[in-house]
Amino acid sequence: MPKLKTHSGAAKRFKVTRNKKFKYAKAGRRHLLEWKSAKQSRSKRQAAVVHDANWKAVSQLLPYA
């Protein structure tokens, strides 16, 4: 069976945790921060974990993760 290619865009966005979950940075922290609340900004600092419903799709993009 041939080797599978890793999706390079997904590889830049997701990191694998010890428990084989995928974490990613939340969107909305690049620009237009002035009108966003401090609560919003704080919550976007922490990394998020991919939901169970999307785990299979992400794991197919990253076959060797």
Protein backbone atom coordinates (compact mmCIF):
# COMPACT_ATOMS: atom_id res chain seq x y z
CA MET A 1 0.00 0.00 0.00
CA PRO A 2 1.43 3.44 -0.90
CA LYS A 3 2.29 6.06 1.66
CA LEU A 4 -0.42 8.62 2.42
CA LYS A 5 0.18 12.32 2.09
CA THR A 6 -0.37 14.58 5.06
CA HIS A 7 -2.62 17.57 4.36
CA SER A 8 -0.15 20.44 4.75
CA GLY A 9 -2.82 22.98 5.68
CA ALA A 10 -4.12 20.76 8.46
CA ALA A 11 -0.59 20.04 9.68
CA LYS A 12 -0.05 23.76 10.25
CA ARG A 13 -3.30 24.17 12.18
CA PHE A 14 -3.54 21.09 14.42
CA LYS A 15 -1.22 19.57 17.01
CA VAL A 16 -1.74 16.15 18.56
CA THR A 17 -2.08 15.77 22.32
CA ARG A 18 -0.95 12.73 24.33
CA ASN A 19 -4.45 11.27 24.21
CA LYS A 20 -4.57 11.44 20.39
CA LYS A 21 -6.82 14.48 20.41
CA PHE A 22 -6.23 17.46 18.14
CA LYS A 23 -5.83 20.95 19.55
CA TYR A 24 -5.97 24.17 17.57
CA ALA A 25 -5.89 27.93 18.06
CA LYS A 26 -9.25 29.67 18.06
CA ALA A 27 -10.12 32.08 15.28
CA GLY A 28 -10.70 35.80 15.74
CA ARG A 29 -7.43 37.03 17.28
CA ARG A 30 -5.75 38.64 14.27
CA HIS A 31 -7.41 42.01 13.82
CA LEU A 32 -10.49 44.09 14.69
CA LEU A 33 -9.84 43.42 18.40
CA GLU A 34 -10.87 46.88 19.56
CA TRP A 35 -14.61 46.22 19.57
CA LYS A 36 -14.36 42.69 20.96
CA SER A 37 -14.91 42.30 24.68
CA ALA A 38 -12.12 41.41 27.08
CA LYS A 39 -13.97 38.20 27.90
CA GLN A 40 -13.92 37.22 24.23
CA SER A 41 -10.21 37.99 23.93
CA ARG A 42 -9.36 35.95 27.03
CA SER A 43 -11.35 32.94 25.89
CA LYS A 44 -9.61 32.95 22.51
CA ARG A 45 -6.16 32.72 24.10
CA GLN A 46 -6.61 29.11 25.16
CA ALA A 47 -6.30 26.35 22.61
CA ALA A 48 -9.41 24.35 21.82
CA VAL A 49 -9.81 20.62 21.20
CA VAL A 50 -11.49 19.26 18.07
CA HIS A 51 -15.01 18.03 18.79
CA ASP A 52 -15.67 14.30 18.65
CA ALA A 53 -17.93 14.75 15.61
CA ASN A 54 -14.99 16.17 13.60
CA TRP A 55 -12.22 13.95 14.97
CA LYS A 56 -12.42 11.38 12.17
CA ALA A 57 -12.21 14.01 9.43
CA VAL A 58 -9.14 15.65 10.97
CA SER A 59 -7.43 12.32 11.61
CA GLN A 60 -7.81 11.43 7.92
CA LEU A 61 -6.08 14.67 6.97
CA LEU A 62 -3.22 13.79 9.33
CA PRO A 63 -2.73 10.05 8.79
CA TYR A 64 0.55 9.76 10.72
CA ALA A 65 -0.38 11.94 13.68
